[in-house]
Amino acid sequence: MPLAVGVIQTDGFPPVLAAADAMLKAGRVTLVYYGLAERAEFLVAVRGPTSEVRRAVEAGIEAANTTPPGGRLVSHYLVPNPPENVESVLPLEFTAKVERFRV
């Protein structure tokens, strides 16, 4: 079964931290990437079943939007069934660090 990918990008650290926390609590997903996108923008990516990733992204969006001033939600997207070429280019695989947390 293919696993969906959900990504949230924020401007500033507090909103991405709040989004990541909300995403992991809202759905049965695994955090596969977290990092700096550009300037002061951060990304967080999760993988899991499509319905769980959708719920997690919605919770992450709400958390990022309600974080106190100093940051904002820049963008978000959900890819229900990423093709292999996307997985080979982007850091979306389950690494050794996250494999033990895989759901």
N, C-alpha and C. Protein backbone atom coordinates (compact mmCIF):
# COMPACT_ATOMS: atom_id res chain seq x y z
N MET A 1 0.84 -1.18 0.00
CA MET A 1 0.00 0.00 0.00
C MET A 1 0.89 1.24 0.00
N PRO A 2 0.70 2.13 -0.98
CA PRO A 2 1.50 3.35 -1.01
C PRO A 2 1.15 4.27 0.16
N LEU A 3 2.15 4.97 0.63
CA LEU A 3 1.95 5.89 1.74
C LEU A 3 1.94 7.33 1.24
N ALA A 4 1.02 8.10 1.75
CA ALA A 4 0.91 9.51 1.38
C ALA A 4 2.01 10.32 2.06
N VAL A 5 2.24 11.51 1.53
CA VAL A 5 3.19 12.46 2.10
C VAL A 5 2.46 13.75 2.37
N GLY A 6 2.65 14.30 3.57
CA GLY A 6 2.08 15.60 3.92
C GLY A 6 3.20 16.53 4.34
N VAL A 7 3.22 17.74 3.80
CA VAL A 7 4.29 18.69 4.09
C VAL A 7 3.68 20.02 4.50
N ILE A 8 4.28 20.62 5.52
CA ILE A 8 3.90 21.97 5.95
C ILE A 8 5.16 22.81 5.98
N GLN A 9 5.07 24.03 5.43
CA GLN A 9 6.18 24.97 5.43
C GLN A 9 5.74 26.22 6.17
N THR A 10 6.57 26.67 7.09
CA THR A 10 6.24 27.86 7.88
C THR A 10 7.38 28.88 7.81
N ASP A 11 7.05 30.09 8.15
CA ASP A 11 8.02 31.16 8.29
C ASP A 11 8.28 31.31 9.78
N GLY A 12 9.42 30.83 10.24
CA GLY A 12 9.76 30.90 11.66
C GLY A 12 9.70 29.53 12.30
N PHE A 13 10.43 29.39 13.39
CA PHE A 13 10.53 28.11 14.08
C PHE A 13 9.32 27.74 14.93
N PRO A 14 8.75 28.65 15.72
CA PRO A 14 7.62 28.26 16.57
C PRO A 14 6.45 27.62 15.82
N PRO A 15 6.03 28.16 14.66
CA PRO A 15 4.91 27.53 13.98
C PRO A 15 5.22 26.12 13.45
N VAL A 16 6.45 25.87 12.99
CA VAL A 16 6.77 24.54 12.49
C VAL A 16 6.85 23.54 13.63
N LEU A 17 7.30 23.97 14.77
CA LEU A 17 7.33 23.09 15.93
C LEU A 17 5.91 22.75 16.37
N ALA A 18 5.06 23.74 16.41
CA ALA A 18 3.65 23.50 16.77
C ALA A 18 2.97 22.61 15.74
N ALA A 19 3.26 22.83 14.46
CA ALA A 19 2.67 22.01 13.40
C ALA A 19 3.13 20.56 13.51
N ALA A 20 4.42 20.35 13.70
CA ALA A 20 4.95 18.99 13.81
C ALA A 20 4.33 18.26 15.00
N ASP A 21 4.24 18.93 16.11
CA ASP A 21 3.64 18.34 17.30
C ASP A 21 2.19 17.96 17.05
N ALA A 22 1.44 18.87 16.47
CA ALA A 22 0.02 18.61 16.20
C ALA A 22 -0.15 17.48 15.18
N MET A 23 0.70 17.45 14.17
CA MET A 23 0.60 16.41 13.14
C MET A 23 0.82 15.03 13.72
N LEU A 24 1.83 14.90 14.57
CA LEU A 24 2.13 13.59 15.13
C LEU A 24 1.10 13.13 16.15
N LYS A 25 0.43 14.08 16.77
CA LYS A 25 -0.61 13.73 17.74
C LYS A 25 -1.96 13.46 17.07
N ALA A 26 -2.18 14.05 15.90
CA ALA A 26 -3.50 13.96 15.27
C ALA A 26 -3.71 12.71 14.43
N GLY A 27 -2.65 12.15 13.91
CA GLY A 27 -2.80 11.01 13.02
C GLY A 27 -1.73 9.96 13.23
N ARG A 28 -1.97 8.80 12.69
CA ARG A 28 -1.02 7.69 12.78
C ARG A 28 -0.02 7.87 11.64
N VAL A 29 0.91 8.81 11.83
CA VAL A 29 1.89 9.17 10.82
C VAL A 29 3.30 9.11 11.41
N THR A 30 4.29 9.08 10.52
CA THR A 30 5.69 9.08 10.92
C THR A 30 6.37 10.32 10.34
N LEU A 31 7.10 11.04 11.17
CA LEU A 31 7.85 12.20 10.72
C LEU A 31 9.06 11.68 9.95
N VAL A 32 9.17 12.06 8.67
CA VAL A 32 10.29 11.59 7.85
C VAL A 32 11.27 12.70 7.50
N TYR A 33 10.88 13.95 7.63
CA TYR A 33 11.80 15.04 7.32
C TYR A 33 11.43 16.28 8.12
N TYR A 34 12.48 16.94 8.57
CA TYR A 34 12.32 18.21 9.26
C TYR A 34 13.56 19.02 8.92
N GLY A 35 13.41 20.24 8.47
CA GLY A 35 14.60 21.02 8.16
C GLY A 35 14.29 22.42 7.71
N LEU A 36 15.36 23.12 7.39
CA LEU A 36 15.31 24.50 6.94
C LEU A 36 15.08 24.52 5.44
N ALA A 37 14.09 25.28 4.99
CA ALA A 37 13.78 25.35 3.56
C ALA A 37 14.61 26.46 2.91
N GLU A 38 14.43 27.66 3.32
CA GLU A 38 15.17 28.82 2.82
C GLU A 38 14.86 29.98 3.74
N ARG A 39 15.74 30.96 3.72
CA ARG A 39 15.61 32.10 4.64
C ARG A 39 15.32 31.59 6.03
N ALA A 40 14.22 31.96 6.61
CA ALA A 40 13.84 31.47 7.94
C ALA A 40 12.62 30.59 7.83
N GLU A 41 12.49 29.89 6.71
CA GLU A 41 11.35 29.01 6.51
C GLU A 41 11.74 27.57 6.81
N PHE A 42 10.85 26.87 7.49
CA PHE A 42 11.10 25.50 7.90
C PHE A 42 10.06 24.57 7.29
N LEU A 43 10.43 23.31 7.10
CA LEU A 43 9.52 22.30 6.57
C LEU A 43 9.43 21.14 7.54
N VAL A 44 8.29 20.51 7.54
CA VAL A 44 8.11 19.25 8.24
C VAL A 44 7.30 18.35 7.32
N ALA A 45 7.74 17.09 7.17
CA ALA A 45 7.06 16.14 6.29
C ALA A 45 6.73 14.87 7.06
N VAL A 46 5.54 14.36 6.83
CA VAL A 46 5.10 13.12 7.47
C VAL A 46 4.62 12.15 6.41
N ARG A 47 4.64 10.86 6.75
CA ARG A 47 4.12 9.83 5.85
C ARG A 47 3.22 8.90 6.62
N GLY A 48 2.28 8.33 5.89
CA GLY A 48 1.35 7.38 6.48
C GLY A 48 0.20 7.14 5.53
N PRO A 49 -0.83 6.44 5.98
CA PRO A 49 -2.02 6.25 5.15
C PRO A 49 -2.65 7.61 4.81
N THR A 50 -3.23 7.70 3.64
CA THR A 50 -3.75 8.99 3.15
C THR A 50 -4.71 9.65 4.12
N SER A 51 -5.65 8.91 4.67
CA SER A 51 -6.63 9.52 5.59
C SER A 51 -5.94 10.05 6.85
N GLU A 52 -4.93 9.35 7.32
CA GLU A 52 -4.20 9.81 8.52
C GLU A 52 -3.35 11.04 8.21
N VAL A 53 -2.71 11.05 7.06
CA VAL A 53 -1.89 12.20 6.68
C VAL A 53 -2.77 13.42 6.47
N ARG A 54 -3.92 13.23 5.87
CA ARG A 54 -4.86 14.36 5.66
C ARG A 54 -5.26 14.96 7.01
N ARG A 55 -5.62 14.11 7.96
CA ARG A 55 -5.99 14.59 9.29
C ARG A 55 -4.81 15.28 9.98
N ALA A 56 -3.62 14.72 9.82
CA ALA A 56 -2.43 15.30 10.45
C ALA A 56 -2.10 16.66 9.85
N VAL A 57 -2.20 16.80 8.53
CA VAL A 57 -1.91 18.08 7.88
C VAL A 57 -2.92 19.14 8.31
N GLU A 58 -4.17 18.77 8.39
CA GLU A 58 -5.20 19.73 8.84
C GLU A 58 -4.89 20.22 10.25
N ALA A 59 -4.49 19.30 11.13
CA ALA A 59 -4.15 19.69 12.51
C ALA A 59 -2.90 20.57 12.52
N GLY A 60 -1.92 20.25 11.67
CA GLY A 60 -0.70 21.05 11.58
C GLY A 60 -0.96 22.45 11.07
N ILE A 61 -1.86 22.57 10.10
CA ILE A 61 -2.21 23.89 9.57
C ILE A 61 -2.85 24.74 10.66
N GLU A 62 -3.78 24.15 11.39
CA GLU A 62 -4.44 24.88 12.47
C GLU A 62 -3.44 25.30 13.55
N ALA A 63 -2.54 24.41 13.92
CA ALA A 63 -1.54 24.73 14.94
C ALA A 63 -0.61 25.84 14.47
N ALA A 64 -0.16 25.77 13.21
CA ALA A 64 0.74 26.81 12.69
C ALA A 64 0.04 28.16 12.61
N ASN A 65 -1.23 28.16 12.27
CA ASN A 65 -1.98 29.42 12.16
C ASN A 65 -2.32 30.03 13.51
N THR A 66 -2.36 29.24 14.56
CA THR A 66 -2.71 29.77 15.88
C THR A 66 -1.50 29.99 16.78
N THR A 67 -0.30 29.81 16.22
CA THR A 67 0.92 30.07 17.00
C THR A 67 1.04 31.57 17.22
N PRO A 68 1.49 31.98 18.39
CA PRO A 68 1.63 33.43 18.67
C PRO A 68 2.48 34.13 17.61
N PRO A 69 2.40 35.44 17.55
CA PRO A 69 3.13 36.21 16.53
C PRO A 69 4.60 35.84 16.46
N GLY A 70 5.16 36.03 15.28
CA GLY A 70 6.56 35.71 15.07
C GLY A 70 6.75 34.66 13.99
N GLY A 71 5.68 34.17 13.44
CA GLY A 71 5.75 33.17 12.39
C GLY A 71 4.43 33.03 11.70
N ARG A 72 4.45 32.32 10.56
CA ARG A 72 3.19 32.12 9.83
C ARG A 72 3.30 30.88 8.95
N LEU A 73 2.17 30.36 8.55
CA LEU A 73 2.10 29.25 7.62
C LEU A 73 2.40 29.79 6.22
N VAL A 74 3.34 29.18 5.52
CA VAL A 74 3.68 29.61 4.17
C VAL A 74 2.94 28.75 3.15
N SER A 75 3.04 27.44 3.27
CA SER A 75 2.34 26.56 2.35
C SER A 75 2.19 25.17 2.95
N HIS A 76 1.39 24.37 2.30
CA HIS A 76 1.19 22.99 2.71
C HIS A 76 0.73 22.20 1.51
N TYR A 77 1.01 20.93 1.51
CA TYR A 77 0.50 20.07 0.45
C TYR A 77 0.47 18.63 0.90
N LEU A 78 -0.33 17.85 0.20
CA LEU A 78 -0.49 16.44 0.48
C LEU A 78 -0.41 15.70 -0.86
N VAL A 79 0.44 14.70 -0.92
CA VAL A 79 0.56 13.86 -2.11
C VAL A 79 0.09 12.47 -1.71
N PRO A 80 -1.10 12.06 -2.16
CA PRO A 80 -1.67 10.79 -1.73
C PRO A 80 -0.86 9.56 -2.15
N ASN A 81 -0.25 9.60 -3.31
CA ASN A 81 0.48 8.44 -3.82
C ASN A 81 1.71 8.93 -4.59
N PRO A 82 2.78 9.31 -3.89
CA PRO A 82 3.94 9.87 -4.60
C PRO A 82 4.60 8.83 -5.50
N PRO A 83 4.92 9.18 -6.75
CA PRO A 83 5.60 8.24 -7.63
C PRO A 83 7.04 8.01 -7.17
N GLU A 84 7.64 6.93 -7.64
CA GLU A 84 8.98 6.56 -7.21
C GLU A 84 10.01 7.64 -7.53
N ASN A 85 9.85 8.34 -8.66
CA ASN A 85 10.84 9.37 -9.00
C ASN A 85 10.81 10.53 -8.01
N VAL A 86 9.66 10.83 -7.43
CA VAL A 86 9.59 11.88 -6.41
C VAL A 86 10.29 11.40 -5.14
N GLU A 87 10.05 10.17 -4.78
CA GLU A 87 10.69 9.60 -3.59
C GLU A 87 12.20 9.52 -3.75
N SER A 88 12.69 9.33 -4.97
CA SER A 88 14.14 9.23 -5.17
C SER A 88 14.82 10.60 -5.12
N VAL A 89 14.08 11.67 -5.37
CA VAL A 89 14.66 13.02 -5.40
C VAL A 89 14.52 13.72 -4.05
N LEU A 90 13.37 13.57 -3.41
CA LEU A 90 13.11 14.26 -2.15
C LEU A 90 13.41 13.36 -0.96
N PRO A 91 13.76 13.92 0.18
CA PRO A 91 14.08 13.12 1.36
C PRO A 91 12.82 12.62 2.07
N LEU A 92 12.10 11.69 1.43
CA LEU A 92 10.83 11.22 1.97
C LEU A 92 10.88 9.76 2.43
N GLU A 93 12.04 9.14 2.31
CA GLU A 93 12.12 7.73 2.67
C GLU A 93 12.23 7.58 4.19
N PHE A 94 11.97 6.38 4.64
CA PHE A 94 12.10 6.08 6.06
C PHE A 94 13.57 5.76 6.32
N THR A 95 14.27 6.68 6.96
CA THR A 95 15.69 6.48 7.26
C THR A 95 15.84 5.59 8.48
N ALA A 96 17.07 5.22 8.75
CA ALA A 96 17.36 4.38 9.92
C ALA A 96 16.94 5.07 11.21
N LYS A 97 17.02 6.40 11.24
CA LYS A 97 16.64 7.15 12.43
C LYS A 97 15.15 7.05 12.74
N VAL A 98 14.32 6.99 11.71
CA VAL A 98 12.87 7.00 11.93
C VAL A 98 12.22 5.63 11.74
N GLU A 99 12.95 4.68 11.25
CA GLU A 99 12.37 3.37 10.95
C GLU A 99 11.73 2.74 12.19
N ARG A 100 12.33 2.90 13.35
CA ARG A 100 11.77 2.28 14.56
C ARG A 100 10.47 2.95 15.01
N PHE A 101 10.19 4.15 14.48
CA PHE A 101 8.94 4.86 14.83
C PHE A 101 7.88 4.69 13.76
N ARG A 102 8.19 3.96 12.71
CA ARG A 102 7.28 3.79 11.57
C ARG A 102 5.97 3.15 12.01
N VAL A 103 4.85 3.72 11.54
CA VAL A 103 3.54 3.19 11.90
C VAL A 103 2.93 2.42 10.75
